[in-house]
């Protein structure tokens, strides 16, 4: 019964607030808009980093005499490593077909290849690590793996890690820096959102300071005075989350058509719709927490009568 009365009082406060309540919802919606931006920025950064990371790998080239069985045994060992994301096998014949396709318009090169009378290309394994910083440990494993020897002779012709090391190191540094900057941006905008919500709700509560003073003078407890304003903050947060979700619907569709061509296929609209429940849940929880917590702290000043 008491809880019902508190909710009714909070709803009445919200409706009675009129323009002030509308302004509070507007500012809270903008605050949740900032949070939405951070969600999409984080998704875009992760997608971009994944695309770049997928383009970097190291290749292990095997001698012509290496049997497919021994090469696949190496692949099986690599797949079991926790650092390895994927291993792709390419036979010497597949490498030759790929080479011919790539140089289809270079008749001189193809003629020289035909005159050799044999396939000069090696079978290989392309290795992708889960993180660029892990390539060095994978190469160390390859150097020490007993499977790489057949009859006492190494079946590995070359590992191109040395040639790619500079690019891999730069990518690793870029990913680390991007993540750190991303965390800093999230914290900065998160704090800004909290301060905006707090200041706005504090202003809304200021208009009710006389009412609060009267309630305190007639003996109302702090909890009884505070509860309706917390409910009002919760209502503000819920409405703002719903409004922001509705606004994001057309915006993400429009922007998504642009981002798909700008960011290697990342479609903001598709991401929003496929993660709608998660995004709406984050906005809803954020709105409720911001509204309730900001109301709780903002009203403290007026409880001291």
C-alpha atoms as a PDB file:
ATOM      1  CA  UNK A   1       0.000   0.000   0.000  1.00  0.00           C
ATOM      2  CA  UNK A   2       2.812   2.378   0.932  1.00  0.00           C
ATOM      3  CA  UNK A   3       4.733   1.482  -2.205  1.00  0.00           C
ATOM      4  CA  UNK A   4       1.661   2.161  -4.356  1.00  0.00           C
ATOM      5  CA  UNK A   5       1.200   5.528  -2.663  1.00  0.00           C
ATOM      6  CA  UNK A   6       4.842   6.413  -3.311  1.00  0.00           C
ATOM      7  CA  UNK A   7       4.553   5.534  -7.011  1.00  0.00           C
ATOM      8  CA  UNK A   8       1.351   7.565  -7.352  1.00  0.00           C
ATOM      9  CA  UNK A   9       2.987  10.539  -5.605  1.00  0.00           C
ATOM     10  CA  UNK A  10       6.030  10.281  -7.886  1.00  0.00           C
ATOM     11  CA  UNK A  11       3.849  10.121 -10.997  1.00  0.00           C
ATOM     12  CA  UNK A  12       1.835  13.131  -9.822  1.00  0.00           C
ATOM     13  CA  UNK A  13       5.054  15.068  -9.197  1.00  0.00           C
ATOM     14  CA  UNK A  14       6.217  14.247 -12.697  1.00  0.00           C
ATOM     15  CA  UNK A  15       2.932  15.330 -14.341  1.00  0.00           C
ATOM     16  CA  UNK A  16       2.664  18.411 -12.153  1.00  0.00           C
ATOM     17  CA  UNK A  17       6.203  19.384 -13.129  1.00  0.00           C
ATOM     18  CA  UNK A  18       4.985  20.163 -16.634  1.00  0.00           C
ATOM     19  CA  UNK A  19       7.650  22.081 -18.562  1.00  0.00           C
ATOM     20  CA  UNK A  20      10.337  21.277 -15.985  1.00  0.00           C
ATOM     21  CA  UNK A  21       9.636  17.542 -16.277  1.00  0.00           C
ATOM     22  CA  UNK A  22       9.665  17.798 -20.074  1.00  0.00           C
ATOM     23  CA  UNK A  23      12.996  19.626 -19.969  1.00  0.00           C
ATOM     24  CA  UNK A  24      14.414  16.982 -17.625  1.00  0.00           C
ATOM     25  CA  UNK A  25      13.318  14.196 -19.997  1.00  0.00           C
ATOM     26  CA  UNK A  26      14.866  16.100 -22.919  1.00  0.00           C
ATOM     27  CA  UNK A  27      18.215  16.497 -21.184  1.00  0.00           C
ATOM     28  CA  UNK A  28      18.145  12.883 -19.992  1.00  0.00           C
ATOM     29  CA  UNK A  29      17.428  11.801 -23.580  1.00  0.00           C
ATOM     30  CA  UNK A  30      20.477  13.741 -24.753  1.00  0.00           C
ATOM     31  CA  UNK A  31      22.481  12.063 -21.988  1.00  0.00           C
ATOM     32  CA  UNK A  32      21.334   8.633 -23.160  1.00  0.00           C
ATOM     33  CA  UNK A  33      22.175   9.756 -26.696  1.00  0.00           C
ATOM     34  CA  UNK A  34      25.773  10.204 -25.547  1.00  0.00           C
ATOM     35  CA  UNK A  35      25.701   6.720 -24.043  1.00  0.00           C
ATOM     36  CA  UNK A  36      24.303   5.363 -27.351  1.00  0.00           C
ATOM     37  CA  UNK A  37      27.137   7.079 -29.213  1.00  0.00           C
ATOM     38  CA  UNK A  38      29.654   5.374 -26.926  1.00  0.00           C
ATOM     39  CA  UNK A  39      28.019   1.983 -27.557  1.00  0.00           C
ATOM     40  CA  UNK A  40      28.200   2.436 -31.320  1.00  0.00           C
ATOM     41  CA  UNK A  41      31.739   3.851 -31.168  1.00  0.00           C
ATOM     42  CA  UNK A  42      32.899   0.829 -29.169  1.00  0.00           C
ATOM     43  CA  UNK A  43      31.237  -1.549 -31.661  1.00  0.00           C
ATOM     44  CA  UNK A  44      32.825   0.279 -34.610  1.00  0.00           C
ATOM     45  CA  UNK A  45      36.285   0.219 -33.047  1.00  0.00           C
ATOM     46  CA  UNK A  46      36.035  -3.499 -32.262  1.00  0.00           C
ATOM     47  CA  UNK A  47      34.802  -4.256 -35.784  1.00  0.00           C
ATOM     48  CA  UNK A  48      37.582  -2.196 -37.391  1.00  0.00           C
ATOM     49  CA  UNK A  49      40.261  -3.775 -35.216  1.00  0.00           C
ATOM     50  CA  UNK A  50      38.954  -7.252 -36.063  1.00  0.00           C
ATOM     51  CA  UNK A  51      39.047  -6.456 -39.798  1.00  0.00           C
ATOM     52  CA  UNK A  52      42.613  -5.160 -39.585  1.00  0.00           C
ATOM     53  CA  UNK A  53      43.689  -8.068 -37.385  1.00  0.00           C
ATOM     54  CA  UNK A  54      42.221 -10.594 -39.837  1.00  0.00           C
ATOM     55  CA  UNK A  55      44.371  -9.152 -42.625  1.00  0.00           C
ATOM     56  CA  UNK A  56      47.582  -9.847 -40.716  1.00  0.00           C
ATOM     57  CA  UNK A  57      49.032 -13.335 -40.493  1.00  0.00           C
ATOM     58  CA  UNK A  58      52.265 -15.266 -40.802  1.00  0.00           C
ATOM     59  CA  UNK A  59      52.907 -18.030 -43.291  1.00  0.00           C
ATOM     60  CA  UNK A  60      54.961 -21.184 -42.867  1.00  0.00           C
ATOM     61  CA  UNK A  61      56.331 -22.497 -46.179  1.00  0.00           C
ATOM     62  CA  UNK A  62      57.368 -26.142 -46.413  1.00  0.00           C
ATOM     63  CA  UNK A  63      59.995 -27.840 -48.574  1.00  0.00           C
ATOM     64  CA  UNK A  64      58.746 -29.615 -51.716  1.00  0.00           C
ATOM     65  CA  UNK A  65      59.591 -32.991 -50.234  1.00  0.00           C
ATOM     66  CA  UNK A  66      57.338 -32.440 -47.190  1.00  0.00           C
ATOM     67  CA  UNK A  67      54.376 -34.808 -47.237  1.00  0.00           C
ATOM     68  CA  UNK A  68      50.848 -33.515 -46.817  1.00  0.00           C
ATOM     69  CA  UNK A  69      50.482 -35.803 -43.806  1.00  0.00           C
ATOM     70  CA  UNK A  70      53.397 -34.119 -41.982  1.00  0.00           C
ATOM     71  CA  UNK A  71      52.141 -30.620 -42.871  1.00  0.00           C
ATOM     72  CA  UNK A  72      48.652 -31.402 -41.585  1.00  0.00           C
ATOM     73  CA  UNK A  73      50.213 -32.793 -38.401  1.00  0.00           C
ATOM     74  CA  UNK A  74      51.825 -29.380 -37.883  1.00  0.00           C
ATOM     75  CA  UNK A  75      48.449 -27.734 -38.522  1.00  0.00           C
ATOM     76  CA  UNK A  76      46.800 -29.960 -35.887  1.00  0.00           C
ATOM     77  CA  UNK A  77      49.402 -28.898 -33.327  1.00  0.00           C
ATOM     78  CA  UNK A  78      48.968 -25.216 -34.162  1.00  0.00           C
ATOM     79  CA  UNK A  79      45.167 -25.338 -33.908  1.00  0.00           C
ATOM     80  CA  UNK A  80      45.497 -26.602 -30.328  1.00  0.00           C
ATOM     81  CA  UNK A  81      47.537 -23.565 -29.262  1.00  0.00           C
ATOM     82  CA  UNK A  82      45.456 -21.059 -27.206  1.00  0.00           C
ATOM     83  CA  UNK A  83      47.103 -18.148 -29.063  1.00  0.00           C
ATOM     84  CA  UNK A  84      45.950 -19.336 -32.499  1.00  0.00           C
ATOM     85  CA  UNK A  85      42.654 -18.126 -33.991  1.00  0.00           C
ATOM     86  CA  UNK A  86      42.816 -19.974 -37.336  1.00  0.00           C
ATOM     87  CA  UNK A  87      45.166 -22.002 -39.531  1.00  0.00           C
ATOM     88  CA  UNK A  88      44.640 -22.352 -43.289  1.00  0.00           C
ATOM     89  CA  UNK A  89      46.428 -24.977 -45.370  1.00  0.00           C
ATOM     90  CA  UNK A  90      47.361 -24.274 -48.979  1.00  0.00           C
ATOM     91  CA  UNK A  91      48.875 -27.078 -51.034  1.00  0.00           C
ATOM     92  CA  UNK A  92      51.579 -26.477 -53.630  1.00  0.00           C
ATOM     93  CA  UNK A  93      49.038 -27.190 -56.390  1.00  0.00           C
ATOM     94  CA  UNK A  94      46.605 -24.647 -54.945  1.00  0.00           C
ATOM     95  CA  UNK A  95      49.419 -22.108 -54.691  1.00  0.00           C
ATOM     96  CA  UNK A  96      50.259 -22.701 -58.359  1.00  0.00           C
ATOM     97  CA  UNK A  97      46.628 -22.211 -59.444  1.00  0.00           C
ATOM     98  CA  UNK A  98      46.422 -19.009 -57.395  1.00  0.00           C
ATOM     99  CA  UNK A  99      49.710 -17.764 -58.893  1.00  0.00           C
ATOM    100  CA  UNK A 100      48.513 -18.412 -62.448  1.00  0.00           C
ATOM    101  CA  UNK A 101      45.220 -16.617 -61.766  1.00  0.00           C
ATOM    102  CA  UNK A 102      47.017 -13.633 -60.242  1.00  0.00           C
ATOM    103  CA  UNK A 103      49.367 -13.353 -63.253  1.00  0.00           C
ATOM    104  CA  UNK A 104      46.819 -14.244 -65.918  1.00  0.00           C
ATOM    105  CA  UNK A 105      47.741 -11.124 -67.909  1.00  0.00           C
ATOM    106  CA  UNK A 106      51.479 -11.566 -67.534  1.00  0.00           C
ATOM    107  CA  UNK A 107      52.284 -13.993 -70.347  1.00  0.00           C
ATOM    108  CA  UNK A 108      56.051 -13.666 -69.897  1.00  0.00           C
ATOM    109  CA  UNK A 109      55.882 -14.871 -66.306  1.00  0.00           C
ATOM    110  CA  UNK A 110      53.534 -17.741 -67.176  1.00  0.00           C
ATOM    111  CA  UNK A 111      55.787 -18.783 -70.060  1.00  0.00           C
ATOM    112  CA  UNK A 112      58.834 -18.844 -67.760  1.00  0.00           C
ATOM    113  CA  UNK A 113      56.850 -20.936 -65.282  1.00  0.00           C
ATOM    114  CA  UNK A 114      55.879 -23.441 -67.984  1.00  0.00           C
ATOM    115  CA  UNK A 115      59.518 -23.745 -69.110  1.00  0.00           C
ATOM    116  CA  UNK A 116      60.545 -24.852 -65.625  1.00  0.00           C
ATOM    117  CA  UNK A 117      58.634 -28.063 -66.084  1.00  0.00           C
ATOM    118  CA  UNK A 118      57.788 -28.400 -62.374  1.00  0.00           C
ATOM    119  CA  UNK A 119      55.920 -26.560 -59.624  1.00  0.00           C
ATOM    120  CA  UNK A 120      58.403 -24.285 -57.800  1.00  0.00           C
ATOM    121  CA  UNK A 121      55.860 -23.121 -55.199  1.00  0.00           C
ATOM    122  CA  UNK A 122      55.723 -24.478 -51.667  1.00  0.00           C
ATOM    123  CA  UNK A 123      52.811 -25.753 -49.631  1.00  0.00           C
ATOM    124  CA  UNK A 124      52.083 -23.416 -46.740  1.00  0.00           C
ATOM    125  CA  UNK A 125      50.115 -22.780 -43.569  1.00  0.00           C
ATOM    126  CA  UNK A 126      48.677 -19.291 -42.975  1.00  0.00           C
ATOM    127  CA  UNK A 127      48.382 -18.647 -39.226  1.00  0.00           C
ATOM    128  CA  UNK A 128      46.188 -16.013 -37.606  1.00  0.00           C
ATOM    129  CA  UNK A 129      46.738 -15.216 -33.939  1.00  0.00           C
ATOM    130  CA  UNK A 130      44.011 -14.067 -31.575  1.00  0.00           C
ATOM    131  CA  UNK A 131      46.176 -11.061 -30.798  1.00  0.00           C
ATOM    132  CA  UNK A 132      49.083  -9.666 -32.880  1.00  0.00           C
ATOM    133  CA  UNK A 133      51.363  -9.701 -29.825  1.00  0.00           C
ATOM    134  CA  UNK A 134      51.132 -13.526 -29.773  1.00  0.00           C
ATOM    135  CA  UNK A 135      52.810 -14.167 -33.143  1.00  0.00           C
ATOM    136  CA  UNK A 136      56.275 -14.292 -31.603  1.00  0.00           C
ATOM    137  CA  UNK A 137      55.332 -17.103 -29.215  1.00  0.00           C
ATOM    138  CA  UNK A 138      53.771 -19.030 -32.117  1.00  0.00           C
ATOM    139  CA  UNK A 139      57.005 -18.740 -34.107  1.00  0.00           C
ATOM    140  CA  UNK A 140      58.986 -19.951 -31.081  1.00  0.00           C
ATOM    141  CA  UNK A 141      56.679 -22.978 -30.893  1.00  0.00           C
ATOM    142  CA  UNK A 142      57.270 -23.695 -34.581  1.00  0.00           C
ATOM    143  CA  UNK A 143      61.042 -23.465 -34.116  1.00  0.00           C
ATOM    144  CA  UNK A 144      60.964 -25.995 -31.284  1.00  0.00           C
ATOM    145  CA  UNK A 145      58.249 -28.353 -32.557  1.00  0.00           C
ATOM    146  CA  UNK A 146      59.525 -31.911 -33.231  1.00  0.00           C
ATOM    147  CA  UNK A 147      56.844 -32.386 -35.906  1.00  0.00           C
ATOM    148  CA  UNK A 148      58.790 -30.026 -38.137  1.00  0.00           C
ATOM    149  CA  UNK A 149      61.470 -32.651 -38.721  1.00  0.00           C
ATOM    150  CA  UNK A 150      61.230 -35.697 -40.942  1.00  0.00           C
ATOM    151  CA  UNK A 151      64.156 -38.077 -40.900  1.00  0.00           C
ATOM    152  CA  UNK A 152      66.208 -35.542 -38.976  1.00  0.00           C
ATOM    153  CA  UNK A 153      65.676 -32.790 -41.570  1.00  0.00           C
ATOM    154  CA  UNK A 154      63.449 -29.784 -41.098  1.00  0.00           C
ATOM    155  CA  UNK A 155      60.469 -29.721 -43.444  1.00  0.00           C
ATOM    156  CA  UNK A 156      60.121 -25.934 -43.052  1.00  0.00           C
ATOM    157  CA  UNK A 157      61.527 -23.871 -45.873  1.00  0.00           C
ATOM    158  CA  UNK A 158      60.695 -20.420 -44.516  1.00  0.00           C
ATOM    159  CA  UNK A 159      58.583 -18.519 -41.956  1.00  0.00           C
ATOM    160  CA  UNK A 160      57.808 -14.975 -43.068  1.00  0.00           C
ATOM    161  CA  UNK A 161      57.498 -13.597 -39.518  1.00  0.00           C
ATOM    162  CA  UNK A 162      60.713 -11.577 -39.772  1.00  0.00           C
ATOM    163  CA  UNK A 163      59.417  -9.733 -42.868  1.00  0.00           C
ATOM    164  CA  UNK A 164      56.057  -8.998 -41.202  1.00  0.00           C
ATOM    165  CA  UNK A 165      57.360  -8.297 -37.693  1.00  0.00           C
ATOM    166  CA  UNK A 166      57.478  -4.513 -38.061  1.00  0.00           C
ATOM    167  CA  UNK A 167      53.909  -4.370 -39.392  1.00  0.00           C
ATOM    168  CA  UNK A 168      52.670  -6.763 -36.689  1.00  0.00           C
ATOM    169  CA  UNK A 169      54.354  -4.724 -33.929  1.00  0.00           C
ATOM    170  CA  UNK A 170      52.835  -1.487 -35.263  1.00  0.00           C
ATOM    171  CA  UNK A 171      49.394  -3.107 -35.409  1.00  0.00           C
ATOM    172  CA  UNK A 172      49.760  -4.397 -31.852  1.00  0.00           C
ATOM    173  CA  UNK A 173      50.678  -0.904 -30.611  1.00  0.00           C
ATOM    174  CA  UNK A 174      47.796   0.644 -32.591  1.00  0.00           C
ATOM    175  CA  UNK A 175      45.272  -1.793 -31.107  1.00  0.00           C
ATOM    176  CA  UNK A 176      46.531  -1.156 -27.562  1.00  0.00           C
ATOM    177  CA  UNK A 177      46.476   2.635 -28.060  1.00  0.00           C
ATOM    178  CA  UNK A 178      43.005   2.530 -29.615  1.00  0.00           C
ATOM    179  CA  UNK A 179      41.616   0.498 -26.728  1.00  0.00           C
ATOM    180  CA  UNK A 180      43.149   2.866 -24.169  1.00  0.00           C
ATOM    181  CA  UNK A 181      41.801   5.935 -25.970  1.00  0.00           C
ATOM    182  CA  UNK A 182      38.409   4.250 -26.265  1.00  0.00           C
ATOM    183  CA  UNK A 183      38.302   3.562 -22.520  1.00  0.00           C
ATOM    184  CA  UNK A 184      39.326   7.183 -21.798  1.00  0.00           C
ATOM    185  CA  UNK A 185      36.572   8.518 -24.079  1.00  0.00           C
ATOM    186  CA  UNK A 186      33.971   6.254 -22.453  1.00  0.00           C
ATOM    187  CA  UNK A 187      34.983   7.419 -18.968  1.00  0.00           C
ATOM    188  CA  UNK A 188      35.034  11.095 -20.009  1.00  0.00           C
ATOM    189  CA  UNK A 189      31.638  11.057 -21.686  1.00  0.00           C
ATOM    190  CA  UNK A 190      30.233   8.820 -18.946  1.00  0.00           C
ATOM    191  CA  UNK A 191      31.177  11.359 -16.287  1.00  0.00           C
ATOM    192  CA  UNK A 192      29.772  14.167 -18.427  1.00  0.00           C
ATOM    193  CA  UNK A 193      26.486  12.268 -18.741  1.00  0.00           C
ATOM    194  CA  UNK A 194      26.225  11.775 -14.985  1.00  0.00           C
ATOM    195  CA  UNK A 195      26.948  15.467 -14.279  1.00  0.00           C
ATOM    196  CA  UNK A 196      24.382  16.614 -16.855  1.00  0.00           C
ATOM    197  CA  UNK A 197      21.705  14.325 -15.428  1.00  0.00           C
ATOM    198  CA  UNK A 198      22.531  15.343 -11.865  1.00  0.00           C
ATOM    199  CA  UNK A 199      22.411  19.086 -12.618  1.00  0.00           C
ATOM    200  CA  UNK A 200      19.108  18.831 -14.496  1.00  0.00           C
ATOM    201  CA  UNK A 201      17.327  16.734 -11.869  1.00  0.00           C
ATOM    202  CA  UNK A 202      18.689  18.976  -9.124  1.00  0.00           C
ATOM    203  CA  UNK A 203      17.113  21.954 -10.911  1.00  0.00           C
ATOM    204  CA  UNK A 204      13.799  20.098 -11.157  1.00  0.00           C
ATOM    205  CA  UNK A 205      13.851  19.268  -7.449  1.00  0.00           C
ATOM    206  CA  UNK A 206      14.715  22.897  -6.646  1.00  0.00           C
ATOM    207  CA  UNK A 207      11.230  23.903  -7.801  1.00  0.00           C
ATOM    208  CA  UNK A 208       9.782  21.665  -5.046  1.00  0.00           C
ATOM    209  CA  UNK A 209      12.027  22.876  -2.225  1.00  0.00           C
ATOM    210  CA  UNK A 210       9.160  24.657  -0.412  1.00  0.00           C
ATOM    211  CA  UNK A 211       6.999  21.535  -0.568  1.00  0.00           C
ATOM    212  CA  UNK A 212       9.869  19.475   0.835  1.00  0.00           C
ATOM    213  CA  UNK A 213      10.381  21.975   3.660  1.00  0.00           C
ATOM    214  CA  UNK A 214       6.699  21.790   4.631  1.00  0.00           C
ATOM    215  CA  UNK A 215       6.750  17.988   4.615  1.00  0.00           C
ATOM    216  CA  UNK A 216       9.804  17.978   6.881  1.00  0.00           C
ATOM    217  CA  UNK A 217       8.223  20.471   9.268  1.00  0.00           C
ATOM    218  CA  UNK A 218       5.126  18.295   9.717  1.00  0.00           C
ATOM    219  CA  UNK A 219       7.335  15.322  10.637  1.00  0.00           C
ATOM    220  CA  UNK A 220       7.773  13.383   7.376  1.00  0.00           C
ATOM    221  CA  UNK A 221      10.810  11.080   7.406  1.00  0.00           C
ATOM    222  CA  UNK A 222      13.665  11.558   4.940  1.00  0.00           C
ATOM    223  CA  UNK A 223      12.799   8.259   3.247  1.00  0.00           C
ATOM    224  CA  UNK A 224       9.151   9.286   2.800  1.00  0.00           C
ATOM    225  CA  UNK A 225      10.143  12.660   1.313  1.00  0.00           C
ATOM    226  CA  UNK A 226      12.852  11.187  -0.907  1.00  0.00           C
ATOM    227  CA  UNK A 227      10.895   8.226  -2.343  1.00  0.00           C
ATOM    228  CA  UNK A 228       8.497  10.138  -4.694  1.00  0.00           C
ATOM    229  CA  UNK A 229      11.412  12.069  -6.190  1.00  0.00           C
ATOM    230  CA  UNK A 230      13.328   8.856  -6.807  1.00  0.00           C
ATOM    231  CA  UNK A 231      10.221   7.474  -8.529  1.00  0.00           C
ATOM    232  CA  UNK A 232      10.057  10.679 -10.584  1.00  0.00           C
ATOM    233  CA  UNK A 233      13.690  10.151 -11.578  1.00  0.00           C
ATOM    234  CA  UNK A 234      12.954   6.555 -12.573  1.00  0.00           C
ATOM    235  CA  UNK A 235       9.993   7.671 -14.716  1.00  0.00           C
ATOM    236  CA  UNK A 236      12.226  10.260 -16.367  1.00  0.00           C
ATOM    237  CA  UNK A 237      14.846   7.602 -17.111  1.00  0.00           C
ATOM    238  CA  UNK A 238      12.337   5.114 -18.557  1.00  0.00           C
ATOM    239  CA  UNK A 239      10.687   7.715 -20.822  1.00  0.00           C
ATOM    240  CA  UNK A 240      14.083   8.974 -21.979  1.00  0.00           C
ATOM    241  CA  UNK A 241      15.244   5.432 -22.832  1.00  0.00           C
ATOM    242  CA  UNK A 242      12.086   4.786 -24.879  1.00  0.00           C
ATOM    243  CA  UNK A 243      12.361   8.135 -26.697  1.00  0.00           C
ATOM    244  CA  UNK A 244      16.065   7.608 -27.434  1.00  0.00           C
ATOM    245  CA  UNK A 245      15.405   4.112 -28.799  1.00  0.00           C
ATOM    246  CA  UNK A 246      12.694   5.474 -31.115  1.00  0.00           C
ATOM    247  CA  UNK A 247      15.033   8.264 -32.302  1.00  0.00           C
ATOM    248  CA  UNK A 248      17.837   5.786 -32.990  1.00  0.00           C
ATOM    249  CA  UNK A 249      15.568   3.707 -35.250  1.00  0.00           C
ATOM    250  CA  UNK A 250      15.590   6.021 -38.318  1.00  0.00           C
ATOM    251  CA  UNK A 251      19.018   7.522 -37.561  1.00  0.00           C
ATOM    252  CA  UNK A 252      20.806   4.162 -37.577  1.00  0.00           C
ATOM    253  CA  UNK A 253      19.035   3.116 -40.790  1.00  0.00           C
ATOM    254  CA  UNK A 254      20.205   6.289 -42.563  1.00  0.00           C
ATOM    255  CA  UNK A 255      23.718   6.348 -41.107  1.00  0.00           C
ATOM    256  CA  UNK A 256      24.058   2.601 -41.635  1.00  0.00           C
ATOM    257  CA  UNK A 257      23.920   3.038 -45.411  1.00  0.00           C
ATOM    258  CA  UNK A 258      26.917   5.365 -45.131  1.00  0.00           C
ATOM    259  CA  UNK A 259      28.978   3.391 -42.618  1.00  0.00           C
ATOM    260  CA  UNK A 260      28.705   0.207 -44.671  1.00  0.00           C
ATOM    261  CA  UNK A 261      30.812   1.818 -47.403  1.00  0.00           C
ATOM    262  CA  UNK A 262      33.030   3.869 -45.090  1.00  0.00           C
ATOM    263  CA  UNK A 263      34.042   1.247 -42.534  1.00  0.00           C
ATOM    264  CA  UNK A 264      34.717  -2.015 -44.376  1.00  0.00           C
ATOM    265  CA  UNK A 265      31.123  -3.240 -44.278  1.00  0.00           C
ATOM    266  CA  UNK A 266      30.120  -2.150 -40.766  1.00  0.00           C
ATOM    267  CA  UNK A 267      26.415  -1.279 -41.020  1.00  0.00           C
ATOM    268  CA  UNK A 268      25.226   0.735 -38.035  1.00  0.00           C
ATOM    269  CA  UNK A 269      21.564  -0.011 -38.792  1.00  0.00           C
ATOM    270  CA  UNK A 270      22.119  -3.760 -38.936  1.00  0.00           C
ATOM    271  CA  UNK A 271      24.121  -3.633 -35.713  1.00  0.00           C
ATOM    272  CA  UNK A 272      21.373  -1.661 -33.953  1.00  0.00           C
ATOM    273  CA  UNK A 273      18.585  -4.041 -34.974  1.00  0.00           C
ATOM    274  CA  UNK A 274      20.583  -7.204 -34.266  1.00  0.00           C
ATOM    275  CA  UNK A 275      21.559  -5.895 -30.809  1.00  0.00           C
ATOM    276  CA  UNK A 276      18.350  -3.940 -30.109  1.00  0.00           C
ATOM    277  CA  UNK A 277      17.415  -5.734 -26.878  1.00  0.00           C
ATOM    278  CA  UNK A 278      20.929  -5.295 -25.467  1.00  0.00           C
ATOM    279  CA  UNK A 279      21.142  -1.615 -26.462  1.00  0.00           C
ATOM    280  CA  UNK A 280      17.655  -0.848 -25.179  1.00  0.00           C
ATOM    281  CA  UNK A 281      18.451  -2.695 -21.961  1.00  0.00           C
ATOM    282  CA  UNK A 282      21.619  -0.619 -21.463  1.00  0.00           C
ATOM    283  CA  UNK A 283      19.716   2.625 -22.123  1.00  0.00           C
ATOM    284  CA  UNK A 284      16.859   1.593 -19.833  1.00  0.00           C
ATOM    285  CA  UNK A 285      19.122   0.576 -16.947  1.00  0.00           C
ATOM    286  CA  UNK A 286      21.301   3.674 -17.466  1.00  0.00           C
ATOM    287  CA  UNK A 287      18.246   5.947 -17.492  1.00  0.00           C
ATOM    288  CA  UNK A 288      16.758   4.382 -14.357  1.00  0.00           C
ATOM    289  CA  UNK A 289      20.064   4.469 -12.463  1.00  0.00           C
ATOM    290  CA  UNK A 290      20.895   8.019 -13.539  1.00  0.00           C
ATOM    291  CA  UNK A 291      17.401   9.250 -12.675  1.00  0.00           C
ATOM    292  CA  UNK A 292      17.173   7.450  -9.325  1.00  0.00           C
ATOM    293  CA  UNK A 293      20.744   8.094  -8.129  1.00  0.00           C
ATOM    294  CA  UNK A 294      20.767  11.728  -9.286  1.00  0.00           C
ATOM    295  CA  UNK A 295      17.436  12.324  -7.512  1.00  0.00           C
ATOM    296  CA  UNK A 296      18.698  10.666  -4.350  1.00  0.00           C
ATOM    297  CA  UNK A 297      21.780  12.892  -4.173  1.00  0.00           C
ATOM    298  CA  UNK A 298      20.114  16.061  -5.448  1.00  0.00           C
ATOM    299  CA  UNK A 299      17.424  16.029  -2.751  1.00  0.00           C
ATOM    300  CA  UNK A 300      19.885  15.607   0.150  1.00  0.00           C
ATOM    301  CA  UNK A 301      20.436  19.362   0.376  1.00  0.00           C
ATOM    302  CA  UNK A 302      16.736  20.053   0.914  1.00  0.00           C
ATOM    303  CA  UNK A 303      16.255  17.394   3.601  1.00  0.00           C
ATOM    304  CA  UNK A 304      18.283  19.412   6.089  1.00  0.00           C
ATOM    305  CA  UNK A 305      15.556  21.506   7.680  1.00  0.00           C
END
